Full PDB file with SEQRES, HELIX, SHEET, SSBOND, CRYST1, ORIGX, SCALE, CONECT and MASTER records, all heavy atoms in Angstrom:
SEQRES   1 A   45  LEU SER ALA LEU VAL TYR VAL PRO GLY SER ASN ASP VAL          
SEQRES   2 A   45  ALA LYS ALA THR ILE VAL ALA ILE ALA GLY PHE ALA SER          
SEQRES   3 A   45  PHE ALA VAL GLY LEU SER LEU PHE ALA ASP ALA LEU LYS          
SEQRES   4 A   45  ARG ASP ILE ILE ALA LYS                                      
HELIX    1 AA1 SER A    2  GLY A    9  1                                   8    
HELIX    2 AA2 VAL A   13  ALA A   44  1                                  32    
CRYST1    1.000    1.000    1.000  90.00  90.00  90.00 P 1           1          
ORIGX1      1.000000  0.000000  0.000000        0.00000                         
ORIGX2      0.000000  1.000000  0.000000        0.00000                         
ORIGX3      0.000000  0.000000  1.000000        0.00000                         
SCALE1      1.000000  0.000000  0.000000        0.00000                         
SCALE2      0.000000  1.000000  0.000000        0.00000                         
SCALE3      0.000000  0.000000  1.000000        0.00000                         
ATOM      1  N   LEU A   1       0.090   3.809  -7.686  1.00  0.00           N  
ATOM      2  CA  LEU A   1      -0.602   3.372  -8.903  1.00  0.00           C  
ATOM      3  C   LEU A   1      -2.111   3.370  -8.718  1.00  0.00           C  
ATOM      4  O   LEU A   1      -2.851   3.808  -9.615  1.00  0.00           O  
ATOM      5  CB  LEU A   1      -0.120   1.979  -9.307  1.00  0.00           C  
ATOM      6  CG  LEU A   1      -0.774   1.393 -10.546  1.00  0.00           C  
ATOM      7  CD1 LEU A   1      -0.414   2.213 -11.787  1.00  0.00           C  
ATOM      8  CD2 LEU A   1      -0.372  -0.053 -10.725  1.00  0.00           C  
ATOM      9  N   SER A   2      -2.576   2.933  -7.560  1.00  0.00           N  
ATOM     10  CA  SER A   2      -4.024   2.941  -7.324  1.00  0.00           C  
ATOM     11  C   SER A   2      -4.562   4.369  -7.259  1.00  0.00           C  
ATOM     12  O   SER A   2      -5.678   4.635  -7.712  1.00  0.00           O  
ATOM     13  CB  SER A   2      -4.367   2.179  -6.041  1.00  0.00           C  
ATOM     14  OG  SER A   2      -3.856   2.844  -4.920  1.00  0.00           O  
ATOM     15  N   ALA A   3      -3.785   5.307  -6.741  1.00  0.00           N  
ATOM     16  CA  ALA A   3      -4.201   6.714  -6.736  1.00  0.00           C  
ATOM     17  C   ALA A   3      -4.262   7.242  -8.161  1.00  0.00           C  
ATOM     18  O   ALA A   3      -5.167   8.004  -8.517  1.00  0.00           O  
ATOM     19  CB  ALA A   3      -3.240   7.549  -5.899  1.00  0.00           C  
ATOM     20  N   LEU A   4      -3.309   6.825  -8.981  1.00  0.00           N  
ATOM     21  CA  LEU A   4      -3.298   7.252 -10.380  1.00  0.00           C  
ATOM     22  C   LEU A   4      -4.527   6.740 -11.127  1.00  0.00           C  
ATOM     23  O   LEU A   4      -5.078   7.432 -11.981  1.00  0.00           O  
ATOM     24  CB  LEU A   4      -2.018   6.750 -11.055  1.00  0.00           C  
ATOM     25  CG  LEU A   4      -1.749   7.214 -12.464  1.00  0.00           C  
ATOM     26  CD1 LEU A   4      -1.491   8.719 -12.494  1.00  0.00           C  
ATOM     27  CD2 LEU A   4      -0.559   6.467 -13.045  1.00  0.00           C  
ATOM     28  N   VAL A   5      -4.987   5.562 -10.775  1.00  0.00           N  
ATOM     29  CA  VAL A   5      -6.182   5.000 -11.405  1.00  0.00           C  
ATOM     30  C   VAL A   5      -7.441   5.671 -10.875  1.00  0.00           C  
ATOM     31  O   VAL A   5      -8.389   5.924 -11.622  1.00  0.00           O  
ATOM     32  CB  VAL A   5      -6.238   3.471 -11.174  1.00  0.00           C  
ATOM     33  CG1 VAL A   5      -7.569   2.893 -11.592  1.00  0.00           C  
ATOM     34  CG2 VAL A   5      -5.099   2.792 -11.920  1.00  0.00           C  
ATOM     35  N   TYR A   6      -7.467   6.013  -9.584  1.00  0.00           N  
ATOM     36  CA  TYR A   6      -8.670   6.574  -8.960  1.00  0.00           C  
ATOM     37  C   TYR A   6      -8.948   8.018  -9.387  1.00  0.00           C  
ATOM     38  O   TYR A   6     -10.098   8.382  -9.644  1.00  0.00           O  
ATOM     39  CB  TYR A   6      -8.544   6.511  -7.431  1.00  0.00           C  
ATOM     40  CG  TYR A   6      -9.642   7.242  -6.707  1.00  0.00           C  
ATOM     41  CD1 TYR A   6     -10.888   6.663  -6.569  1.00  0.00           C  
ATOM     42  CD2 TYR A   6      -9.446   8.524  -6.193  1.00  0.00           C  
ATOM     43  CE1 TYR A   6     -11.907   7.328  -5.923  1.00  0.00           C  
ATOM     44  CE2 TYR A   6     -10.454   9.195  -5.545  1.00  0.00           C  
ATOM     45  CZ  TYR A   6     -11.682   8.606  -5.414  1.00  0.00           C  
ATOM     46  OH  TYR A   6     -12.690   9.267  -4.795  1.00  0.00           O  
ATOM     47  N   VAL A   7      -7.911   8.832  -9.471  1.00  0.00           N  
ATOM     48  CA  VAL A   7      -8.090  10.276  -9.635  1.00  0.00           C  
ATOM     49  C   VAL A   7      -8.849  10.656 -10.911  1.00  0.00           C  
ATOM     50  O   VAL A   7      -9.780  11.472 -10.849  1.00  0.00           O  
ATOM     51  CB  VAL A   7      -6.733  11.009  -9.536  1.00  0.00           C  
ATOM     52  CG1 VAL A   7      -6.844  12.460  -9.966  1.00  0.00           C  
ATOM     53  CG2 VAL A   7      -6.221  10.935  -8.115  1.00  0.00           C  
ATOM     54  N   PRO A   8      -8.532  10.130 -12.094  1.00  0.00           N  
ATOM     55  CA  PRO A   8      -9.254  10.583 -13.293  1.00  0.00           C  
ATOM     56  C   PRO A   8     -10.751  10.271 -13.279  1.00  0.00           C  
ATOM     57  O   PRO A   8     -11.538  11.000 -13.871  1.00  0.00           O  
ATOM     58  CB  PRO A   8      -8.574   9.833 -14.441  1.00  0.00           C  
ATOM     59  CG  PRO A   8      -7.234   9.476 -13.935  1.00  0.00           C  
ATOM     60  CD  PRO A   8      -7.418   9.263 -12.472  1.00  0.00           C  
ATOM     61  N   GLY A   9     -11.159   9.217 -12.586  1.00  0.00           N  
ATOM     62  CA  GLY A   9     -12.567   8.852 -12.579  1.00  0.00           C  
ATOM     63  C   GLY A   9     -13.362   9.458 -11.443  1.00  0.00           C  
ATOM     64  O   GLY A   9     -14.555   9.230 -11.319  1.00  0.00           O  
ATOM     65  N   SER A  10     -12.731  10.252 -10.604  1.00  0.00           N  
ATOM     66  CA  SER A  10     -13.411  10.800  -9.441  1.00  0.00           C  
ATOM     67  C   SER A  10     -14.223  12.035  -9.816  1.00  0.00           C  
ATOM     68  O   SER A  10     -13.781  12.887 -10.583  1.00  0.00           O  
ATOM     69  CB  SER A  10     -12.391  11.172  -8.369  1.00  0.00           C  
ATOM     70  OG  SER A  10     -13.034  11.771  -7.273  1.00  0.00           O  
ATOM     71  N   ASN A  11     -15.417  12.138  -9.244  1.00  0.00           N  
ATOM     72  CA  ASN A  11     -16.263  13.308  -9.463  1.00  0.00           C  
ATOM     73  C   ASN A  11     -16.060  14.373  -8.398  1.00  0.00           C  
ATOM     74  O   ASN A  11     -16.406  15.523  -8.600  1.00  0.00           O  
ATOM     75  CB  ASN A  11     -17.735  12.889  -9.477  1.00  0.00           C  
ATOM     76  CG  ASN A  11     -18.047  12.040 -10.693  1.00  0.00           C  
ATOM     77  OD1 ASN A  11     -17.419  12.179 -11.739  1.00  0.00           O  
ATOM     78  ND2 ASN A  11     -19.013  11.142 -10.546  1.00  0.00           N  
ATOM     79  N   ASP A  12     -15.526  13.982  -7.267  1.00  0.00           N  
ATOM     80  CA  ASP A  12     -15.293  14.904  -6.160  1.00  0.00           C  
ATOM     81  C   ASP A  12     -13.880  15.482  -6.278  1.00  0.00           C  
ATOM     82  O   ASP A  12     -12.886  14.783  -6.105  1.00  0.00           O  
ATOM     83  CB  ASP A  12     -15.457  14.165  -4.829  1.00  0.00           C  
ATOM     84  CG  ASP A  12     -15.422  15.100  -3.635  1.00  0.00           C  
ATOM     85  OD1 ASP A  12     -15.443  16.331  -3.837  1.00  0.00           O  
ATOM     86  OD2 ASP A  12     -15.386  14.585  -2.500  1.00  0.00           O  
ATOM     87  N   VAL A  13     -13.790  16.771  -6.588  1.00  0.00           N  
ATOM     88  CA  VAL A  13     -12.496  17.400  -6.863  1.00  0.00           C  
ATOM     89  C   VAL A  13     -11.625  17.449  -5.613  1.00  0.00           C  
ATOM     90  O   VAL A  13     -10.410  17.193  -5.685  1.00  0.00           O  
ATOM     91  CB  VAL A  13     -12.707  18.826  -7.435  1.00  0.00           C  
ATOM     92  CG1 VAL A  13     -11.385  19.526  -7.628  1.00  0.00           C  
ATOM     93  CG2 VAL A  13     -13.474  18.756  -8.736  1.00  0.00           C  
ATOM     94  N   ALA A  14     -12.207  17.738  -4.468  1.00  0.00           N  
ATOM     95  CA  ALA A  14     -11.415  17.837  -3.238  1.00  0.00           C  
ATOM     96  C   ALA A  14     -10.813  16.485  -2.868  1.00  0.00           C  
ATOM     97  O   ALA A  14      -9.629  16.391  -2.542  1.00  0.00           O  
ATOM     98  CB  ALA A  14     -12.282  18.360  -2.102  1.00  0.00           C  
ATOM     99  N   LYS A  15     -11.638  15.442  -2.942  1.00  0.00           N  
ATOM    100  CA  LYS A  15     -11.138  14.107  -2.618  1.00  0.00           C  
ATOM    101  C   LYS A  15     -10.089  13.664  -3.636  1.00  0.00           C  
ATOM    102  O   LYS A  15      -9.076  13.066  -3.272  1.00  0.00           O  
ATOM    103  CB  LYS A  15     -12.289  13.103  -2.594  1.00  0.00           C  
ATOM    104  CG  LYS A  15     -11.887  11.751  -2.050  1.00  0.00           C  
ATOM    105  CD  LYS A  15     -13.001  10.734  -2.143  1.00  0.00           C  
ATOM    106  CE  LYS A  15     -14.134  11.054  -1.222  1.00  0.00           C  
ATOM    107  NZ  LYS A  15     -15.177  10.004  -1.199  1.00  0.00           N  
ATOM    108  N   ALA A  16     -10.293  13.965  -4.899  1.00  0.00           N  
ATOM    109  CA  ALA A  16      -9.321  13.601  -5.927  1.00  0.00           C  
ATOM    110  C   ALA A  16      -8.000  14.322  -5.724  1.00  0.00           C  
ATOM    111  O   ALA A  16      -6.927  13.750  -5.950  1.00  0.00           O  
ATOM    112  CB  ALA A  16      -9.887  13.915  -7.310  1.00  0.00           C  
ATOM    113  N   THR A  17      -8.057  15.574  -5.279  1.00  0.00           N  
ATOM    114  CA  THR A  17      -6.830  16.325  -5.015  1.00  0.00           C  
ATOM    115  C   THR A  17      -6.056  15.719  -3.856  1.00  0.00           C  
ATOM    116  O   THR A  17      -4.827  15.570  -3.934  1.00  0.00           O  
ATOM    117  CB  THR A  17      -7.167  17.794  -4.710  1.00  0.00           C  
ATOM    118  OG1 THR A  17      -7.905  18.335  -5.803  1.00  0.00           O  
ATOM    119  CG2 THR A  17      -5.922  18.604  -4.486  1.00  0.00           C  
ATOM    120  N   ILE A  18      -6.757  15.344  -2.802  1.00  0.00           N  
ATOM    121  CA  ILE A  18      -6.105  14.724  -1.650  1.00  0.00           C  
ATOM    122  C   ILE A  18      -5.484  13.387  -2.044  1.00  0.00           C  
ATOM    123  O   ILE A  18      -4.346  13.077  -1.676  1.00  0.00           O  
ATOM    124  CB  ILE A  18      -7.103  14.559  -0.492  1.00  0.00           C  
ATOM    125  CG1 ILE A  18      -7.507  15.931   0.043  1.00  0.00           C  
ATOM    126  CG2 ILE A  18      -6.529  13.689   0.619  1.00  0.00           C  
ATOM    127  CD1 ILE A  18      -8.658  15.902   1.010  1.00  0.00           C  
ATOM    128  N   VAL A  19      -6.218  12.600  -2.810  1.00  0.00           N  
ATOM    129  CA  VAL A  19      -5.698  11.303  -3.251  1.00  0.00           C  
ATOM    130  C   VAL A  19      -4.499  11.492  -4.180  1.00  0.00           C  
ATOM    131  O   VAL A  19      -3.521  10.747  -4.104  1.00  0.00           O  
ATOM    132  CB  VAL A  19      -6.816  10.472  -3.928  1.00  0.00           C  
ATOM    133  CG1 VAL A  19      -6.255   9.241  -4.606  1.00  0.00           C  
ATOM    134  CG2 VAL A  19      -7.864  10.086  -2.913  1.00  0.00           C  
ATOM    135  N   ALA A  20      -4.541  12.486  -5.035  1.00  0.00           N  
ATOM    136  CA  ALA A  20      -3.417  12.754  -5.934  1.00  0.00           C  
ATOM    137  C   ALA A  20      -2.168  13.158  -5.163  1.00  0.00           C  
ATOM    138  O   ALA A  20      -1.059  12.697  -5.459  1.00  0.00           O  
ATOM    139  CB  ALA A  20      -3.789  13.835  -6.940  1.00  0.00           C  
ATOM    140  N   ILE A  21      -2.331  14.000  -4.152  1.00  0.00           N  
ATOM    141  CA  ILE A  21      -1.185  14.411  -3.333  1.00  0.00           C  
ATOM    142  C   ILE A  21      -0.628  13.223  -2.558  1.00  0.00           C  
ATOM    143  O   ILE A  21       0.598  13.023  -2.503  1.00  0.00           O  
ATOM    144  CB  ILE A  21      -1.590  15.558  -2.394  1.00  0.00           C  
ATOM    145  CG1 ILE A  21      -1.873  16.821  -3.212  1.00  0.00           C  
ATOM    146  CG2 ILE A  21      -0.522  15.820  -1.350  1.00  0.00           C  
ATOM    147  CD1 ILE A  21      -2.523  17.925  -2.421  1.00  0.00           C  
ATOM    148  N   ALA A  22      -1.502  12.422  -1.980  1.00  0.00           N  
ATOM    149  CA  ALA A  22      -1.049  11.233  -1.248  1.00  0.00           C  
ATOM    150  C   ALA A  22      -0.383  10.235  -2.192  1.00  0.00           C  
ATOM    151  O   ALA A  22       0.610   9.593  -1.833  1.00  0.00           O  
ATOM    152  CB  ALA A  22      -2.226  10.582  -0.532  1.00  0.00           C  
ATOM    153  N   GLY A  23      -0.908  10.115  -3.402  1.00  0.00           N  
ATOM    154  CA  GLY A  23      -0.309   9.223  -4.390  1.00  0.00           C  
ATOM    155  C   GLY A  23       1.076   9.676  -4.799  1.00  0.00           C  
ATOM    156  O   GLY A  23       1.999   8.866  -4.925  1.00  0.00           O  
ATOM    157  N   PHE A  24       1.248  10.974  -4.991  1.00  0.00           N  
ATOM    158  CA  PHE A  24       2.566  11.492  -5.350  1.00  0.00           C  
ATOM    159  C   PHE A  24       3.554  11.290  -4.210  1.00  0.00           C  
ATOM    160  O   PHE A  24       4.702  10.894  -4.428  1.00  0.00           O  
ATOM    161  CB  PHE A  24       2.487  12.973  -5.714  1.00  0.00           C  
ATOM    162  CG  PHE A  24       3.822  13.567  -6.022  1.00  0.00           C  
ATOM    163  CD1 PHE A  24       4.452  13.294  -7.223  1.00  0.00           C  
ATOM    164  CD2 PHE A  24       4.460  14.373  -5.107  1.00  0.00           C  
ATOM    165  CE1 PHE A  24       5.695  13.819  -7.510  1.00  0.00           C  
ATOM    166  CE2 PHE A  24       5.706  14.917  -5.378  1.00  0.00           C  
ATOM    167  CZ  PHE A  24       6.327  14.646  -6.591  1.00  0.00           C  
ATOM    168  N   ALA A  25       3.106  11.545  -2.982  1.00  0.00           N  
ATOM    169  CA  ALA A  25       3.994  11.358  -1.832  1.00  0.00           C  
ATOM    170  C   ALA A  25       4.390   9.891  -1.674  1.00  0.00           C  
ATOM    171  O   ALA A  25       5.563   9.580  -1.431  1.00  0.00           O  
ATOM    172  CB  ALA A  25       3.318  11.871  -0.562  1.00  0.00           C  
ATOM    173  N   SER A  26       3.429   8.985  -1.828  1.00  0.00           N  
ATOM    174  CA  SER A  26       3.768   7.570  -1.694  1.00  0.00           C  
ATOM    175  C   SER A  26       4.661   7.102  -2.840  1.00  0.00           C  
ATOM    176  O   SER A  26       5.519   6.247  -2.653  1.00  0.00           O  
ATOM    177  CB  SER A  26       2.514   6.706  -1.584  1.00  0.00           C  
ATOM    178  OG  SER A  26       1.734   6.821  -2.735  1.00  0.00           O  
ATOM    179  N   PHE A  27       4.497   7.674  -4.029  1.00  0.00           N  
ATOM    180  CA  PHE A  27       5.390   7.344  -5.145  1.00  0.00           C  
ATOM    181  C   PHE A  27       6.822   7.778  -4.826  1.00  0.00           C  
ATOM    182  O   PHE A  27       7.768   7.016  -5.013  1.00  0.00           O  
ATOM    183  CB  PHE A  27       4.906   8.015  -6.433  1.00  0.00           C  
ATOM    184  CG  PHE A  27       5.853   7.843  -7.579  1.00  0.00           C  
ATOM    185  CD1 PHE A  27       5.930   6.637  -8.250  1.00  0.00           C  
ATOM    186  CD2 PHE A  27       6.672   8.876  -7.986  1.00  0.00           C  
ATOM    187  CE1 PHE A  27       6.812   6.463  -9.302  1.00  0.00           C  
ATOM    188  CE2 PHE A  27       7.548   8.725  -9.037  1.00  0.00           C  
ATOM    189  CZ  PHE A  27       7.621   7.510  -9.705  1.00  0.00           C  
ATOM    190  N   ALA A  28       6.968   9.006  -4.334  1.00  0.00           N  
ATOM    191  CA  ALA A  28       8.310   9.521  -4.038  1.00  0.00           C  
ATOM    192  C   ALA A  28       8.981   8.711  -2.929  1.00  0.00           C  
ATOM    193  O   ALA A  28      10.148   8.328  -3.049  1.00  0.00           O  
ATOM    194  CB  ALA A  28       8.217  10.993  -3.654  1.00  0.00           C  
ATOM    195  N   VAL A  29       8.255   8.429  -1.859  1.00  0.00           N  
ATOM    196  CA  VAL A  29       8.835   7.675  -0.745  1.00  0.00           C  
ATOM    197  C   VAL A  29       9.101   6.230  -1.152  1.00  0.00           C  
ATOM    198  O   VAL A  29      10.146   5.658  -0.822  1.00  0.00           O  
ATOM    199  CB  VAL A  29       7.910   7.748   0.490  1.00  0.00           C  
ATOM    200  CG1 VAL A  29       8.384   6.820   1.588  1.00  0.00           C  
ATOM    201  CG2 VAL A  29       7.826   9.167   0.998  1.00  0.00           C  
ATOM    202  N   GLY A  30       8.166   5.624  -1.883  1.00  0.00           N  
ATOM    203  CA  GLY A  30       8.349   4.236  -2.318  1.00  0.00           C  
ATOM    204  C   GLY A  30       9.538   4.080  -3.241  1.00  0.00           C  
ATOM    205  O   GLY A  30      10.323   3.140  -3.103  1.00  0.00           O  
ATOM    206  N   LEU A  31       9.688   4.994  -4.169  1.00  0.00           N  
ATOM    207  CA  LEU A  31      10.826   4.936  -5.084  1.00  0.00           C  
ATOM    208  C   LEU A  31      12.136   5.145  -4.333  1.00  0.00           C  
ATOM    209  O   LEU A  31      13.132   4.463  -4.593  1.00  0.00           O  
ATOM    210  CB  LEU A  31      10.658   5.987  -6.178  1.00  0.00           C  
ATOM    211  CG  LEU A  31      11.552   5.856  -7.392  1.00  0.00           C  
ATOM    212  CD1 LEU A  31      11.314   4.534  -8.092  1.00  0.00           C  
ATOM    213  CD2 LEU A  31      11.291   7.005  -8.347  1.00  0.00           C  
ATOM    214  N   SER A  32      12.128   6.047  -3.370  1.00  0.00           N  
ATOM    215  CA  SER A  32      13.329   6.296  -2.573  1.00  0.00           C  
ATOM    216  C   SER A  32      13.716   5.065  -1.744  1.00  0.00           C  
ATOM    217  O   SER A  32      14.893   4.687  -1.698  1.00  0.00           O  
ATOM    218  CB  SER A  32      13.094   7.495  -1.658  1.00  0.00           C  
ATOM    219  OG  SER A  32      14.178   7.670  -0.795  1.00  0.00           O  
ATOM    220  N   LEU A  33      12.755   4.435  -1.093  1.00  0.00           N  
ATOM    221  CA  LEU A  33      13.042   3.236  -0.301  1.00  0.00           C  
ATOM    222  C   LEU A  33      13.537   2.090  -1.167  1.00  0.00           C  
ATOM    223  O   LEU A  33      14.490   1.389  -0.823  1.00  0.00           O  
ATOM    224  CB  LEU A  33      11.789   2.791   0.468  1.00  0.00           C  
ATOM    225  CG  LEU A  33      11.448   3.558   1.717  1.00  0.00           C  
ATOM    226  CD1 LEU A  33      10.098   3.109   2.259  1.00  0.00           C  
ATOM    227  CD2 LEU A  33      12.514   3.365   2.764  1.00  0.00           C  
ATOM    228  N   PHE A  34      12.887   1.888  -2.304  1.00  0.00           N  
ATOM    229  CA  PHE A  34      13.272   0.804  -3.201  1.00  0.00           C  
ATOM    230  C   PHE A  34      14.685   1.023  -3.734  1.00  0.00           C  
ATOM    231  O   PHE A  34      15.511   0.104  -3.750  1.00  0.00           O  
ATOM    232  CB  PHE A  34      12.263   0.695  -4.352  1.00  0.00           C  
ATOM    233  CG  PHE A  34      12.442  -0.536  -5.181  1.00  0.00           C  
ATOM    234  CD1 PHE A  34      12.047  -1.770  -4.703  1.00  0.00           C  
ATOM    235  CD2 PHE A  34      12.999  -0.467  -6.443  1.00  0.00           C  
ATOM    236  CE1 PHE A  34      12.212  -2.912  -5.461  1.00  0.00           C  
ATOM    237  CE2 PHE A  34      13.167  -1.597  -7.212  1.00  0.00           C  
ATOM    238  CZ  PHE A  34      12.772  -2.825  -6.716  1.00  0.00           C  
ATOM    239  N   ALA A  35      14.996   2.250  -4.143  1.00  0.00           N  
ATOM    240  CA  ALA A  35      16.331   2.549  -4.670  1.00  0.00           C  
ATOM    241  C   ALA A  35      17.392   2.419  -3.579  1.00  0.00           C  
ATOM    242  O   ALA A  35      18.496   1.918  -3.840  1.00  0.00           O  
ATOM    243  CB  ALA A  35      16.352   3.952  -5.262  1.00  0.00           C  
ATOM    244  N   ASP A  36      17.080   2.849  -2.362  1.00  0.00           N  
ATOM    245  CA  ASP A  36      18.037   2.733  -1.269  1.00  0.00           C  
ATOM    246  C   ASP A  36      18.317   1.268  -0.937  1.00  0.00           C  
ATOM    247  O   ASP A  36      19.455   0.889  -0.660  1.00  0.00           O  
ATOM    248  CB  ASP A  36      17.531   3.474  -0.036  1.00  0.00           C  
ATOM    249  CG  ASP A  36      18.591   3.648   1.022  1.00  0.00           C  
ATOM    250  OD1 ASP A  36      19.753   3.902   0.655  1.00  0.00           O  
ATOM    251  OD2 ASP A  36      18.247   3.528   2.215  1.00  0.00           O  
ATOM    252  N   ALA A  37      17.282   0.427  -0.966  1.00  0.00           N  
ATOM    253  CA  ALA A  37      17.483  -1.000  -0.711  1.00  0.00           C  
ATOM    254  C   ALA A  37      18.348  -1.632  -1.801  1.00  0.00           C  
ATOM    255  O   ALA A  37      19.234  -2.441  -1.499  1.00  0.00           O  
ATOM    256  CB  ALA A  37      16.137  -1.715  -0.625  1.00  0.00           C  
ATOM    257  N   LEU A  38      18.114  -1.271  -3.047  1.00  0.00           N  
ATOM    258  CA  LEU A  38      18.951  -1.801  -4.121  1.00  0.00           C  
ATOM    259  C   LEU A  38      20.387  -1.326  -3.982  1.00  0.00           C  
ATOM    260  O   LEU A  38      21.333  -2.095  -4.218  1.00  0.00           O  
ATOM    261  CB  LEU A  38      18.381  -1.390  -5.479  1.00  0.00           C  
ATOM    262  CG  LEU A  38      17.092  -2.077  -5.895  1.00  0.00           C  
ATOM    263  CD1 LEU A  38      16.633  -1.553  -7.247  1.00  0.00           C  
ATOM    264  CD2 LEU A  38      17.256  -3.573  -5.940  1.00  0.00           C  
ATOM    265  N   LYS A  39      20.574  -0.076  -3.596  1.00  0.00           N  
ATOM    266  CA  LYS A  39      21.926   0.454  -3.386  1.00  0.00           C  
ATOM    267  C   LYS A  39      22.641  -0.310  -2.279  1.00  0.00           C  
ATOM    268  O   LYS A  39      23.814  -0.671  -2.418  1.00  0.00           O  
ATOM    269  CB  LYS A  39      21.855   1.936  -3.045  1.00  0.00           C  
ATOM    270  CG  LYS A  39      23.214   2.581  -2.785  1.00  0.00           C  
ATOM    271  CD  LYS A  39      23.059   3.992  -2.291  1.00  0.00           C  
ATOM    272  CE  LYS A  39      22.562   3.913  -0.871  1.00  0.00           C  
ATOM    273  NZ  LYS A  39      22.517   5.147  -0.153  1.00  0.00           N  
ATOM    274  N   ARG A  40      21.937  -0.595  -1.190  1.00  0.00           N  
ATOM    275  CA  ARG A  40      22.542  -1.356  -0.092  1.00  0.00           C  
ATOM    276  C   ARG A  40      22.915  -2.764  -0.535  1.00  0.00           C  
ATOM    277  O   ARG A  40      23.959  -3.291  -0.129  1.00  0.00           O  
ATOM    278  CB  ARG A  40      21.584  -1.416   1.095  1.00  0.00           C  
ATOM    279  CG  ARG A  40      21.433  -0.115   1.820  1.00  0.00           C  
ATOM    280  CD  ARG A  40      20.356  -0.238   2.882  1.00  0.00           C  
ATOM    281  NE  ARG A  40      20.070   1.032   3.488  1.00  0.00           N  
ATOM    282  CZ  ARG A  40      20.412   1.339   4.741  1.00  0.00           C  
ATOM    283  NH1 ARG A  40      21.054   0.469   5.490  1.00  0.00           N  
ATOM    284  NH2 ARG A  40      20.116   2.513   5.222  1.00  0.00           N  
ATOM    285  N   ASP A  41      22.075  -3.399  -1.346  1.00  0.00           N  
ATOM    286  CA  ASP A  41      22.400  -4.728  -1.858  1.00  0.00           C  
ATOM    287  C   ASP A  41      23.649  -4.699  -2.726  1.00  0.00           C  
ATOM    288  O   ASP A  41      24.516  -5.571  -2.612  1.00  0.00           O  
ATOM    289  CB  ASP A  41      21.231  -5.291  -2.672  1.00  0.00           C  
ATOM    290  CG  ASP A  41      20.117  -5.816  -1.798  1.00  0.00           C  
ATOM    291  OD1 ASP A  41      20.347  -6.034  -0.589  1.00  0.00           O  
ATOM    292  OD2 ASP A  41      19.012  -6.009  -2.332  1.00  0.00           O  
ATOM    293  N   ILE A  42      23.753  -3.709  -3.592  1.00  0.00           N  
ATOM    294  CA  ILE A  42      24.917  -3.607  -4.473  1.00  0.00           C  
ATOM    295  C   ILE A  42      26.186  -3.369  -3.666  1.00  0.00           C  
ATOM    296  O   ILE A  42      27.224  -4.003  -3.911  1.00  0.00           O  
ATOM    297  CB  ILE A  42      24.704  -2.502  -5.527  1.00  0.00           C  
ATOM    298  CG1 ILE A  42      23.622  -2.926  -6.511  1.00  0.00           C  
ATOM    299  CG2 ILE A  42      26.004  -2.182  -6.256  1.00  0.00           C  
ATOM    300  CD1 ILE A  42      23.170  -1.827  -7.432  1.00  0.00           C  
ATOM    301  N   ILE A  43      26.117  -2.485  -2.678  1.00  0.00           N  
ATOM    302  CA  ILE A  43      27.285  -2.208  -1.842  1.00  0.00           C  
ATOM    303  C   ILE A  43      27.684  -3.453  -1.062  1.00  0.00           C  
ATOM    304  O   ILE A  43      28.878  -3.763  -0.913  1.00  0.00           O  
ATOM    305  CB  ILE A  43      27.021  -1.010  -0.915  1.00  0.00           C  
ATOM    306  CG1 ILE A  43      26.942   0.275  -1.738  1.00  0.00           C  
ATOM    307  CG2 ILE A  43      28.071  -0.899   0.171  1.00  0.00           C  
ATOM    308  CD1 ILE A  43      26.488   1.474  -0.966  1.00  0.00           C  
ATOM    309  N   ALA A  44      26.712  -4.207  -0.554  1.00  0.00           N  
ATOM    310  CA  ALA A  44      27.018  -5.424   0.186  1.00  0.00           C  
ATOM    311  C   ALA A  44      27.676  -6.467  -0.719  1.00  0.00           C  
ATOM    312  O   ALA A  44      28.617  -7.156  -0.312  1.00  0.00           O  
ATOM    313  CB  ALA A  44      25.740  -5.998   0.816  1.00  0.00           C  
ATOM    314  N   LYS A  45      27.186  -6.595  -1.954  1.00  0.00           N  
ATOM    315  CA  LYS A  45      27.784  -7.567  -2.880  1.00  0.00           C  
ATOM    316  C   LYS A  45      29.189  -7.156  -3.271  1.00  0.00           C  
ATOM    317  O   LYS A  45      30.076  -7.995  -3.383  1.00  0.00           O  
ATOM    318  CB  LYS A  45      26.909  -7.706  -4.125  1.00  0.00           C  
ATOM    319  CG  LYS A  45      25.649  -8.475  -3.866  1.00  0.00           C  
ATOM    320  CD  LYS A  45      24.791  -8.568  -5.097  1.00  0.00           C  
ATOM    321  CE  LYS A  45      23.481  -9.246  -4.779  1.00  0.00           C  
ATOM    322  NZ  LYS A  45      22.574  -9.266  -5.921  1.00  0.00           N  
TER     323      LYS A  45                                                      
MASTER        0    0    0    2    0    0    0    6  322    1    0    4          
END                                                                             
């Protein structure tokens, strides 16, 4: 989310591209970890 907020206001295209890629990667990994934890909780219950 912080990468999503930073990228549109950035004047440096290279830095914004790196932040956007890192933001997308952290979104994908974060969503995967969160969903896996919820799945484990449901299976345990």
